[in-house]
Amino acid sequence: MFDRFDKPFVAFFTIQNINHGMWIIANLAVKDYYKDYLGLDPGEMAIYISIIHIPWSFKILYGLISDNVPICGTRRKSYLVIMGFIQFIALMSLFVFCPEDPLAVALILAVASMSEAFTNVVSDAIMVI
């Protein structure tokens, strides 16, 4: 892979895929958290899980924003840093505060999901160009 692509591209590609894999693990952990720790039934759990996944429906908007609204002179790198920071803060707040309200957990994870979806869109745009 290093013969065809440069090292920063391969490093970015690897890190983004690890990040996305960790997000999938977090989604699985949320299902167990809702079921075992909070004791929600499958219907309630589905509502909260759908709240978490709503930001993925707006991926086209994230692409339009990153393409048309530059921050500090860059169109993509700044969004990667900002969204990575937002995702870190959201997941750390979930860890530190341990909310027991399922809606609070869903909203915090929806913010993290939005940043993951935004990062996914921006990284896909970088991969294409």
N, C-alpha and C. Protein backbone atom coordinates (compact mmCIF):
# COMPACT_ATOMS: atom_id res chain seq x y z
N MET A 1 0.82 -1.19 0.00
CA MET A 1 0.00 0.00 0.00
C MET A 1 0.87 1.26 0.00
N PHE A 2 2.03 1.19 0.66
CA PHE A 2 2.91 2.35 0.70
C PHE A 2 3.53 2.64 -0.66
N ASP A 3 3.56 1.65 -1.56
CA ASP A 3 4.11 1.88 -2.89
C ASP A 3 3.18 2.75 -3.73
N ARG A 4 1.89 2.58 -3.54
CA ARG A 4 0.92 3.31 -4.35
C ARG A 4 0.52 4.64 -3.74
N PHE A 5 0.41 4.71 -2.39
CA PHE A 5 -0.04 5.91 -1.71
C PHE A 5 1.06 6.44 -0.79
N ASP A 6 0.99 7.73 -0.48
CA ASP A 6 1.98 8.30 0.42
C ASP A 6 1.66 7.95 1.87
N LYS A 7 2.65 8.10 2.75
CA LYS A 7 2.51 7.67 4.14
C LYS A 7 1.42 8.43 4.91
N PRO A 8 1.27 9.75 4.77
CA PRO A 8 0.19 10.42 5.50
C PRO A 8 -1.20 9.92 5.10
N PHE A 9 -1.38 9.62 3.83
CA PHE A 9 -2.66 9.11 3.38
C PHE A 9 -2.97 7.75 4.01
N VAL A 10 -1.99 6.86 4.03
CA VAL A 10 -2.19 5.53 4.61
C VAL A 10 -2.43 5.64 6.10
N ALA A 11 -1.70 6.54 6.78
CA ALA A 11 -1.89 6.73 8.22
C ALA A 11 -3.29 7.26 8.50
N PHE A 12 -3.73 8.25 7.73
CA PHE A 12 -5.07 8.80 7.90
C PHE A 12 -6.14 7.75 7.64
N PHE A 13 -5.97 6.99 6.59
CA PHE A 13 -6.91 5.93 6.24
C PHE A 13 -7.01 4.90 7.37
N THR A 14 -5.88 4.53 7.94
CA THR A 14 -5.84 3.55 9.02
C THR A 14 -6.51 4.09 10.28
N ILE A 15 -6.18 5.31 10.65
CA ILE A 15 -6.75 5.91 11.85
C ILE A 15 -8.26 6.08 11.72
N GLN A 16 -8.74 6.51 10.56
CA GLN A 16 -10.18 6.69 10.35
C GLN A 16 -10.91 5.36 10.46
N ASN A 17 -10.34 4.31 9.91
CA ASN A 17 -11.01 3.01 9.98
C ASN A 17 -10.99 2.45 11.39
N ILE A 18 -9.94 2.69 12.15
CA ILE A 18 -9.91 2.28 13.56
C ILE A 18 -10.97 3.06 14.33
N ASN A 19 -11.08 4.36 14.08
CA ASN A 19 -12.08 5.19 14.74
C ASN A 19 -13.49 4.68 14.45
N HIS A 20 -13.75 4.36 13.21
CA HIS A 20 -15.08 3.87 12.84
C HIS A 20 -15.35 2.51 13.49
N GLY A 21 -14.35 1.66 13.57
CA GLY A 21 -14.51 0.37 14.24
C GLY A 21 -14.80 0.53 15.71
N MET A 22 -14.15 1.49 16.35
CA MET A 22 -14.42 1.76 17.76
C MET A 22 -15.84 2.29 17.96
N TRP A 23 -16.33 3.05 16.99
CA TRP A 23 -17.69 3.56 17.08
C TRP A 23 -18.69 2.41 17.02
N ILE A 24 -18.42 1.42 16.20
CA ILE A 24 -19.30 0.26 16.13
C ILE A 24 -19.29 -0.51 17.46
N ILE A 25 -18.12 -0.62 18.07
CA ILE A 25 -18.03 -1.27 19.38
C ILE A 25 -18.83 -0.48 20.42
N ALA A 26 -18.76 0.85 20.35
CA ALA A 26 -19.53 1.68 21.29
C ALA A 26 -21.03 1.47 21.10
N ASN A 27 -21.48 1.31 19.86
CA ASN A 27 -22.90 1.04 19.60
C ASN A 27 -23.33 -0.28 20.21
N LEU A 28 -22.50 -1.28 20.12
CA LEU A 28 -22.83 -2.57 20.75
C LEU A 28 -22.88 -2.45 22.26
N ALA A 29 -21.96 -1.67 22.82
CA ALA A 29 -21.94 -1.48 24.27
C ALA A 29 -23.19 -0.75 24.75
N VAL A 30 -23.69 0.18 23.95
CA VAL A 30 -24.90 0.93 24.32
C VAL A 30 -26.10 0.00 24.40
N LYS A 31 -26.18 -0.92 23.48
CA LYS A 31 -27.30 -1.87 23.51
C LYS A 31 -27.28 -2.69 24.80
N ASP A 32 -26.10 -3.15 25.19
CA ASP A 32 -25.99 -3.89 26.45
C ASP A 32 -26.28 -2.99 27.64
N TYR A 33 -25.82 -1.75 27.58
CA TYR A 33 -26.06 -0.79 28.67
C TYR A 33 -27.55 -0.56 28.86
N TYR A 34 -28.25 -0.35 27.76
CA TYR A 34 -29.70 -0.12 27.84
C TYR A 34 -30.43 -1.37 28.36
N LYS A 35 -30.02 -2.52 27.87
CA LYS A 35 -30.73 -3.75 28.21
C LYS A 35 -30.40 -4.22 29.63
N ASP A 36 -29.13 -4.34 29.95
CA ASP A 36 -28.73 -4.94 31.22
C ASP A 36 -28.69 -3.95 32.38
N TYR A 37 -28.10 -2.78 32.15
CA TYR A 37 -27.90 -1.83 33.24
C TYR A 37 -29.16 -1.02 33.55
N LEU A 38 -29.81 -0.52 32.49
CA LEU A 38 -31.00 0.30 32.70
C LEU A 38 -32.29 -0.52 32.65
N GLY A 39 -32.24 -1.74 32.18
CA GLY A 39 -33.40 -2.61 32.18
C GLY A 39 -34.52 -2.18 31.25
N LEU A 40 -34.17 -1.61 30.10
CA LEU A 40 -35.19 -1.18 29.15
C LEU A 40 -35.69 -2.37 28.33
N ASP A 41 -36.95 -2.28 27.93
CA ASP A 41 -37.47 -3.33 27.05
C ASP A 41 -37.06 -3.01 25.61
N PRO A 42 -37.17 -3.97 24.70
CA PRO A 42 -36.69 -3.77 23.32
C PRO A 42 -37.34 -2.59 22.60
N GLY A 43 -38.61 -2.30 22.88
CA GLY A 43 -39.27 -1.17 22.23
C GLY A 43 -38.67 0.16 22.63
N GLU A 44 -38.46 0.35 23.92
CA GLU A 44 -37.83 1.59 24.40
C GLU A 44 -36.39 1.69 23.90
N MET A 45 -35.70 0.57 23.93
CA MET A 45 -34.32 0.55 23.47
C MET A 45 -34.23 0.97 22.01
N ALA A 46 -35.15 0.53 21.18
CA ALA A 46 -35.15 0.87 19.76
C ALA A 46 -35.35 2.36 19.55
N ILE A 47 -36.19 2.98 20.38
CA ILE A 47 -36.40 4.43 20.27
C ILE A 47 -35.11 5.18 20.54
N TYR A 48 -34.43 4.82 21.62
CA TYR A 48 -33.19 5.52 21.97
C TYR A 48 -32.07 5.24 20.98
N ILE A 49 -32.00 4.03 20.48
CA ILE A 49 -30.99 3.70 19.47
C ILE A 49 -31.24 4.49 18.19
N SER A 50 -32.51 4.66 17.84
CA SER A 50 -32.81 5.44 16.62
C SER A 50 -32.45 6.90 16.80
N ILE A 51 -32.59 7.44 18.02
CA ILE A 51 -32.15 8.81 18.28
C ILE A 51 -30.66 8.93 18.05
N ILE A 52 -29.92 7.92 18.48
CA ILE A 52 -28.46 7.94 18.32
C ILE A 52 -28.08 7.93 16.84
N HIS A 53 -28.85 7.23 16.01
CA HIS A 53 -28.50 7.08 14.60
C HIS A 53 -29.07 8.17 13.69
N ILE A 54 -29.89 9.06 14.19
CA ILE A 54 -30.46 10.13 13.36
C ILE A 54 -29.40 10.98 12.66
N PRO A 55 -28.30 11.38 13.32
CA PRO A 55 -27.32 12.23 12.62
C PRO A 55 -26.74 11.62 11.35
N TRP A 56 -26.76 10.32 11.20
CA TRP A 56 -26.24 9.71 9.99
C TRP A 56 -27.13 10.01 8.79
N SER A 57 -28.36 10.45 9.01
CA SER A 57 -29.27 10.78 7.92
C SER A 57 -28.94 12.11 7.25
N PHE A 58 -28.11 12.90 7.88
CA PHE A 58 -27.81 14.23 7.37
C PHE A 58 -26.41 14.33 6.78
N LYS A 59 -25.87 13.21 6.30
CA LYS A 59 -24.51 13.20 5.78
C LYS A 59 -24.34 14.14 4.59
N ILE A 60 -25.36 14.30 3.77
CA ILE A 60 -25.24 15.20 2.63
C ILE A 60 -25.02 16.63 3.08
N LEU A 61 -25.66 17.01 4.18
CA LEU A 61 -25.46 18.37 4.71
C LEU A 61 -24.04 18.56 5.22
N TYR A 62 -23.48 17.53 5.84
CA TYR A 62 -22.11 17.63 6.34
C TYR A 62 -21.13 17.83 5.18
N GLY A 63 -21.39 17.14 4.08
CA GLY A 63 -20.54 17.31 2.91
C GLY A 63 -20.66 18.71 2.33
N LEU A 64 -21.88 19.23 2.26
CA LEU A 64 -22.06 20.59 1.75
C LEU A 64 -21.39 21.62 2.66
N ILE A 65 -21.50 21.41 3.97
CA ILE A 65 -20.88 22.35 4.91
C ILE A 65 -19.36 22.31 4.77
N SER A 66 -18.78 21.11 4.76
CA SER A 66 -17.32 21.02 4.69
C SER A 66 -16.78 21.52 3.36
N ASP A 67 -17.54 21.40 2.29
CA ASP A 67 -17.08 21.87 0.98
C ASP A 67 -17.23 23.37 0.81
N ASN A 68 -18.22 23.97 1.45
CA ASN A 68 -18.53 25.38 1.17
C ASN A 68 -18.22 26.35 2.30
N VAL A 69 -17.93 25.88 3.49
CA VAL A 69 -17.67 26.77 4.61
C VAL A 69 -16.28 26.47 5.18
N PRO A 70 -15.25 27.15 4.67
CA PRO A 70 -13.90 26.89 5.20
C PRO A 70 -13.71 27.50 6.59
N ILE A 71 -12.93 26.81 7.40
CA ILE A 71 -12.57 27.30 8.73
C ILE A 71 -11.06 27.45 8.76
N CYS A 72 -10.61 28.63 9.11
CA CYS A 72 -9.16 28.94 9.17
C CYS A 72 -8.47 28.62 7.84
N GLY A 73 -9.15 28.84 6.75
CA GLY A 73 -8.56 28.66 5.44
C GLY A 73 -8.56 27.23 4.91
N THR A 74 -9.02 26.28 5.69
CA THR A 74 -9.07 24.90 5.20
C THR A 74 -10.51 24.42 5.16
N ARG A 75 -10.77 23.53 4.22
CA ARG A 75 -12.13 23.03 4.08
C ARG A 75 -12.34 21.70 4.79
N ARG A 76 -11.28 20.94 5.01
CA ARG A 76 -11.50 19.61 5.56
C ARG A 76 -10.71 19.34 6.84
N LYS A 77 -9.47 19.73 6.88
CA LYS A 77 -8.64 19.41 8.05
C LYS A 77 -9.21 20.00 9.33
N SER A 78 -9.67 21.22 9.27
CA SER A 78 -10.20 21.85 10.48
C SER A 78 -11.46 21.13 10.97
N TYR A 79 -12.28 20.65 10.04
CA TYR A 79 -13.48 19.91 10.45
C TYR A 79 -13.11 18.57 11.10
N LEU A 80 -12.06 17.93 10.59
CA LEU A 80 -11.62 16.68 11.21
C LEU A 80 -11.18 16.90 12.65
N VAL A 81 -10.44 17.97 12.88
CA VAL A 81 -9.97 18.27 14.23
C VAL A 81 -11.14 18.64 15.14
N ILE A 82 -12.01 19.50 14.68
CA ILE A 82 -13.14 19.95 15.49
C ILE A 82 -14.08 18.79 15.81
N MET A 83 -14.42 18.00 14.82
CA MET A 83 -15.34 16.88 15.05
C MET A 83 -14.70 15.79 15.89
N GLY A 84 -13.41 15.57 15.74
CA GLY A 84 -12.72 14.63 16.61
C GLY A 84 -12.75 15.08 18.06
N PHE A 85 -12.56 16.38 18.26
CA PHE A 85 -12.61 16.93 19.62
C PHE A 85 -14.02 16.81 20.20
N ILE A 86 -15.03 17.11 19.40
CA ILE A 86 -16.42 17.00 19.87
C ILE A 86 -16.75 15.54 20.24
N GLN A 87 -16.31 14.61 19.42
CA GLN A 87 -16.56 13.21 19.71
C GLN A 87 -15.86 12.79 20.99
N PHE A 88 -14.63 13.24 21.17
CA PHE A 88 -13.89 12.92 22.39
C PHE A 88 -14.59 13.48 23.62
N ILE A 89 -15.02 14.73 23.56
CA ILE A 89 -15.70 15.36 24.70
C ILE A 89 -17.01 14.64 25.01
N ALA A 90 -17.77 14.28 23.99
CA ALA A 90 -19.05 13.60 24.20
C ALA A 90 -18.84 12.25 24.86
N LEU A 91 -17.91 11.47 24.35
CA LEU A 91 -17.70 10.14 24.92
C LEU A 91 -17.06 10.20 26.30
N MET A 92 -16.18 11.17 26.53
CA MET A 92 -15.58 11.32 27.86
C MET A 92 -16.62 11.79 28.88
N SER A 93 -17.55 12.66 28.46
CA SER A 93 -18.60 13.09 29.38
C SER A 93 -19.51 11.92 29.75
N LEU A 94 -19.73 11.04 28.81
CA LEU A 94 -20.51 9.84 29.10
C LEU A 94 -19.78 8.96 30.11
N PHE A 95 -18.48 8.87 29.98
CA PHE A 95 -17.68 8.08 30.91
C PHE A 95 -17.61 8.72 32.29
N VAL A 96 -17.37 10.02 32.34
CA VAL A 96 -17.16 10.71 33.61
C VAL A 96 -18.46 10.85 34.40
N PHE A 97 -19.53 11.25 33.75
CA PHE A 97 -20.77 11.55 34.46
C PHE A 97 -21.70 10.35 34.63
N CYS A 98 -21.54 9.31 33.84
CA CYS A 98 -22.36 8.09 33.93
C CYS A 98 -23.85 8.39 34.10
N PRO A 99 -24.47 9.06 33.14
CA PRO A 99 -25.89 9.37 33.30
C PRO A 99 -26.74 8.11 33.30
N GLU A 100 -27.76 8.12 34.13
CA GLU A 100 -28.65 6.96 34.21
C GLU A 100 -29.97 7.20 33.47
N ASP A 101 -30.15 8.40 32.97
CA ASP A 101 -31.33 8.70 32.17
C ASP A 101 -31.07 8.23 30.74
N PRO A 102 -31.87 7.32 30.21
CA PRO A 102 -31.61 6.80 28.86
C PRO A 102 -31.66 7.87 27.77
N LEU A 103 -32.48 8.91 27.97
CA LEU A 103 -32.54 9.98 26.98
C LEU A 103 -31.25 10.79 26.99
N ALA A 104 -30.69 11.05 28.17
CA ALA A 104 -29.42 11.78 28.26
C ALA A 104 -28.31 11.00 27.58
N VAL A 105 -28.28 9.69 27.79
CA VAL A 105 -27.28 8.84 27.13
C VAL A 105 -27.46 8.91 25.62
N ALA A 106 -28.71 8.83 25.16
CA ALA A 106 -28.98 8.87 23.73
C ALA A 106 -28.58 10.21 23.12
N LEU A 107 -28.84 11.31 23.81
CA LEU A 107 -28.49 12.62 23.27
C LEU A 107 -26.98 12.83 23.22
N ILE A 108 -26.28 12.38 24.26
CA ILE A 108 -24.82 12.49 24.25
C ILE A 108 -24.24 11.64 23.11
N LEU A 109 -24.77 10.45 22.96
CA LEU A 109 -24.29 9.60 21.88
C LEU A 109 -24.73 10.10 20.50
N ALA A 110 -25.83 10.83 20.43
CA ALA A 110 -26.23 11.44 19.16
C ALA A 110 -25.23 12.51 18.74
N VAL A 111 -24.72 13.26 19.72
CA VAL A 111 -23.69 14.26 19.41
C VAL A 111 -22.42 13.55 18.92
N ALA A 112 -22.04 12.47 19.62
CA ALA A 112 -20.87 11.71 19.18
C ALA A 112 -21.12 11.09 17.80
N SER A 113 -22.33 10.65 17.55
CA SER A 113 -22.68 10.07 16.26
C SER A 113 -22.61 11.12 15.15
N MET A 114 -23.06 12.33 15.46
CA MET A 114 -22.98 13.41 14.48
C MET A 114 -21.52 13.69 14.12
N SER A 115 -20.65 13.74 15.11
CA SER A 115 -19.25 14.01 14.82
C SER A 115 -18.61 12.85 14.07
N GLU A 116 -18.99 11.62 14.37
CA GLU A 116 -18.47 10.47 13.64
C GLU A 116 -18.95 10.49 12.19
N ALA A 117 -20.22 10.81 11.96
CA ALA A 117 -20.75 10.88 10.60
C ALA A 117 -20.08 12.01 9.82
N PHE A 118 -19.88 13.15 10.47
CA PHE A 118 -19.22 14.29 9.81
C PHE A 118 -17.79 13.91 9.45
N THR A 119 -17.09 13.27 10.37
CA THR A 119 -15.72 12.83 10.11
C THR A 119 -15.69 11.82 8.98
N ASN A 120 -16.67 10.94 8.95
CA ASN A 120 -16.76 9.95 7.90
C ASN A 120 -16.92 10.61 6.53
N VAL A 121 -17.77 11.60 6.46
CA VAL A 121 -17.99 12.31 5.20
C VAL A 121 -16.73 13.04 4.75
N VAL A 122 -16.09 13.74 5.68
CA VAL A 122 -14.89 14.50 5.33
C VAL A 122 -13.76 13.56 4.93
N SER A 123 -13.60 12.46 5.65
CA SER A 123 -12.53 11.52 5.28
C SER A 123 -12.82 10.87 3.94
N ASP A 124 -14.06 10.59 3.63
CA ASP A 124 -14.40 10.06 2.30
C ASP A 124 -14.07 11.08 1.22
N ALA A 125 -14.31 12.35 1.50
CA ALA A 125 -13.98 13.40 0.52
C ALA A 125 -12.47 13.48 0.31
N ILE A 126 -11.73 13.33 1.38
CA ILE A 126 -10.26 13.35 1.25
C ILE A 126 -9.78 12.14 0.47
N MET A 127 -10.38 10.99 0.70
CA MET A 127 -9.97 9.77 0.01
C MET A 127 -10.22 9.86 -1.50
N VAL A 128 -11.30 10.55 -1.89
CA VAL A 128 -11.64 10.66 -3.31
C VAL A 128 -10.68 11.59 -4.02
N ILE A 129 -10.34 12.67 -3.37
CA ILE A 129 -9.47 13.66 -4.02
C ILE A 129 -8.07 13.18 -3.93
